[in-house]
Protein backbone atom coordinates (compact mmCIF):
# COMPACT_ATOMS: atom_id res chain seq x y z
CA MET A 1 41.66 14.06 -23.39
CA MET A 2 39.63 12.27 -20.72
CA THR A 3 40.90 9.19 -18.95
CA LEU A 4 38.72 6.08 -18.87
CA THR A 5 37.89 6.62 -15.18
CA GLU A 6 36.78 10.21 -15.80
CA TYR A 7 34.67 9.06 -18.75
CA ASN A 8 33.00 6.30 -16.70
CA ASN A 9 32.28 8.69 -13.80
CA LEU A 10 30.78 11.21 -16.20
CA TYR A 11 28.48 8.87 -18.15
CA TRP A 12 27.85 6.10 -15.59
CA PRO A 13 27.47 7.84 -12.24
CA ASP A 14 27.78 6.04 -8.90
CA PRO A 15 24.46 4.26 -8.13
CA ASP A 16 24.90 4.98 -4.40
CA TYR A 17 24.52 8.73 -4.99
CA GLU A 18 21.99 10.97 -6.71
CA SER A 19 22.49 14.47 -8.06
CA VAL A 20 20.90 17.46 -6.33
CA GLN A 21 21.02 21.08 -7.53
CA ALA A 22 22.56 23.47 -4.99
CA GLU A 23 19.52 25.77 -5.09
CA GLY A 24 17.27 22.75 -4.35
CA VAL A 25 19.00 21.82 -1.10
CA ARG A 26 16.97 22.55 2.03
CA ILE A 27 17.65 22.32 5.77
CA ASP A 28 17.71 18.68 7.00
CA CYS A 29 18.66 17.36 3.53
CA ILE A 30 21.62 14.99 3.47
CA VAL A 31 24.41 15.92 1.04
CA VAL A 32 28.15 15.38 0.65
CA LEU A 33 30.22 18.35 1.88
CA ARG A 34 34.01 18.11 1.62
CA GLU A 35 33.78 14.31 1.13
CA HIS A 36 31.70 13.83 4.31
CA ILE A 37 28.02 12.90 4.44
CA CYS A 38 26.36 15.80 6.25
CA ARG A 39 22.88 16.85 7.35
CA VAL A 40 22.33 20.47 6.24
CA SER A 41 21.83 22.79 9.21
CA GLY A 42 22.06 26.20 7.54
CA MET A 43 22.18 27.96 4.19
CA THR A 44 22.91 31.49 3.00
CA THR A 45 22.88 32.94 -0.50
CA SER A 46 24.87 35.87 -1.85
CA LYS A 47 23.96 38.28 -4.59
CA GLN A 48 25.26 37.97 -8.10
CA GLY A 49 28.74 39.51 -8.37
CA LYS A 50 30.95 40.79 -11.20
CA GLN A 51 31.44 37.28 -12.57
CA GLY A 52 27.67 36.85 -12.81
CA ARG A 53 27.02 33.89 -10.50
CA ALA A 54 25.36 33.88 -7.11
CA LYS A 55 26.87 31.66 -4.43
CA ILE A 56 25.23 29.38 -1.89
CA ARG A 57 27.06 28.69 1.40
CA ILE A 58 25.92 25.43 2.99
CA THR A 59 26.65 24.46 6.60
CA GLY A 60 26.16 20.86 7.69
CA SER A 61 27.14 18.44 10.43
CA ASP A 62 28.68 15.06 9.71
CA VAL A 63 26.14 12.29 10.39
CA ASP A 64 28.77 10.07 12.05
CA SER A 65 30.93 12.49 14.06
CA ASN A 66 28.72 15.65 14.30
CA LYS A 67 31.69 17.75 13.11
CA VAL A 68 30.55 20.92 11.30
CA TYR A 69 31.56 21.53 7.66
CA ASN A 70 31.00 24.64 5.51
CA ASP A 71 31.22 24.85 1.75
CA ALA A 72 30.28 27.38 -0.93
CA PHE A 73 28.91 26.49 -4.38
CA PRO A 74 27.77 28.40 -7.45
CA TYR A 75 23.96 28.68 -7.63
CA GLY A 76 23.54 26.06 -10.39
CA HIS A 77 26.14 23.60 -9.08
CA THR A 78 25.28 19.90 -8.74
CA LEU A 79 25.86 18.22 -5.35
CA ARG A 80 25.87 14.54 -4.45
CA SER A 81 23.33 13.08 -2.06
CA PRO A 82 23.58 9.47 -0.84
CA VAL A 83 20.79 7.12 -1.87
CA ARG A 84 19.35 5.40 1.20
CA ARG A 85 18.00 1.88 0.92
CA TYR A 86 16.06 0.03 3.61
CA GLU A 87 15.63 -3.69 4.23
CA ASP A 88 14.31 -5.88 7.03
CA LEU A 89 16.84 -8.46 8.21
CA ILE A 90 17.01 -11.06 11.00
CA ASP A 91 19.59 -10.48 13.75
CA VAL A 92 21.53 -13.71 14.39
CA ASP A 93 24.63 -12.61 16.34
CA ILE A 94 26.10 -9.63 18.18
CA GLU A 95 29.85 -9.09 18.53
CA SER A 96 31.00 -5.97 20.40
CA ARG A 97 29.59 -3.15 18.18
CA MET A 98 28.63 -5.17 15.08
CA CYS A 99 25.55 -7.28 14.38
CA THR A 100 25.46 -10.21 12.01
CA VAL A 101 22.17 -10.14 10.12
CA VAL A 102 20.67 -12.45 7.50
CA SER A 103 18.39 -11.50 4.60
CA GLU A 104 15.43 -13.54 3.30
CA ASN A 105 17.61 -15.26 0.70
CA CYS A 106 20.23 -16.22 3.36
CA ASN A 107 22.83 -13.58 2.52
CA VAL A 108 24.93 -12.77 5.61
CA LYS A 109 25.56 -9.05 6.16
CA TYR A 110 27.04 -6.93 8.93
CA ALA A 111 25.49 -3.81 10.43
CA LYS A 112 26.69 -1.35 13.05
CA LEU A 113 24.97 -1.77 16.44
CA PRO A 114 23.40 1.56 17.42
CA GLU A 115 24.01 3.22 20.76
CA GLY A 116 21.38 4.25 23.27
CA LYS A 117 17.88 2.84 23.65
CA LEU A 118 17.76 1.24 20.20
CA GLY A 119 21.04 -0.62 20.76
CA ALA A 120 19.82 -1.81 24.16
CA ALA A 121 16.56 -3.05 22.61
CA VAL A 122 18.47 -5.04 19.96
CA ARG A 123 20.75 -6.57 22.63
CA ARG A 124 17.78 -7.42 24.87
CA ALA A 125 15.94 -9.15 22.02
CA PHE A 126 19.07 -11.14 21.14
CA GLU A 127 19.74 -12.16 24.76
CA GLN A 128 16.14 -13.33 25.20
CA GLY A 129 16.77 -15.83 22.43
CA ARG A 130 14.23 -14.52 19.92
CA ASN A 131 15.25 -13.71 16.38
CA ALA A 132 14.71 -9.96 16.19
CA VAL A 133 13.82 -8.45 12.85
CA VAL A 134 15.78 -5.24 12.40
CA THR A 135 15.33 -2.52 9.79
CA VAL A 136 18.70 -1.66 8.28
CA GLN A 137 19.47 1.50 6.34
CA LYS A 138 22.28 1.29 3.79
CA ALA A 139 23.90 4.50 2.60
CA ASP A 140 27.39 5.15 1.29
CA GLY A 141 28.36 1.49 1.70
CA GLN A 142 27.58 1.41 5.43
CA ARG A 143 24.69 -0.34 7.15
CA HIS A 144 23.02 1.09 10.26
CA ILE A 145 20.19 -0.43 12.29
CA ILE A 146 17.37 2.11 12.62
CA ALA A 147 14.50 0.01 14.08
CA VAL A 148 13.83 -3.33 15.77
CA SER A 149 10.64 -5.39 16.00
């Protein structure tokens, strides 16, 4: 007998993820491998064996830490892929590595300050005293700034 949690996960899937067939995954797709969100960097397929199912071996690197993960799936297996949502928000404060941003309807949210040129551009805009509009990508419950205007 199924528990209530198993039943809910089966019939009301997580809205932050979508289902992707293993044979439909391509290089540069983003999928969940071993509970880490990874960008696919390689794939190999094996022939059908005695048990009658071909296998797909997927190699991907974690989008946060760049650590490499490998996993093998049956050909018709369903994988999870995070749904990415984008919104334009106004940057109002910067504290160490986090930005406080505000949406059009005045909801306060927090986003990770990117490193490199993009992070420097966001800091420069904030220090100049102008309200920078940043494009924020939300995936897997985390917000990342991907553009500034």
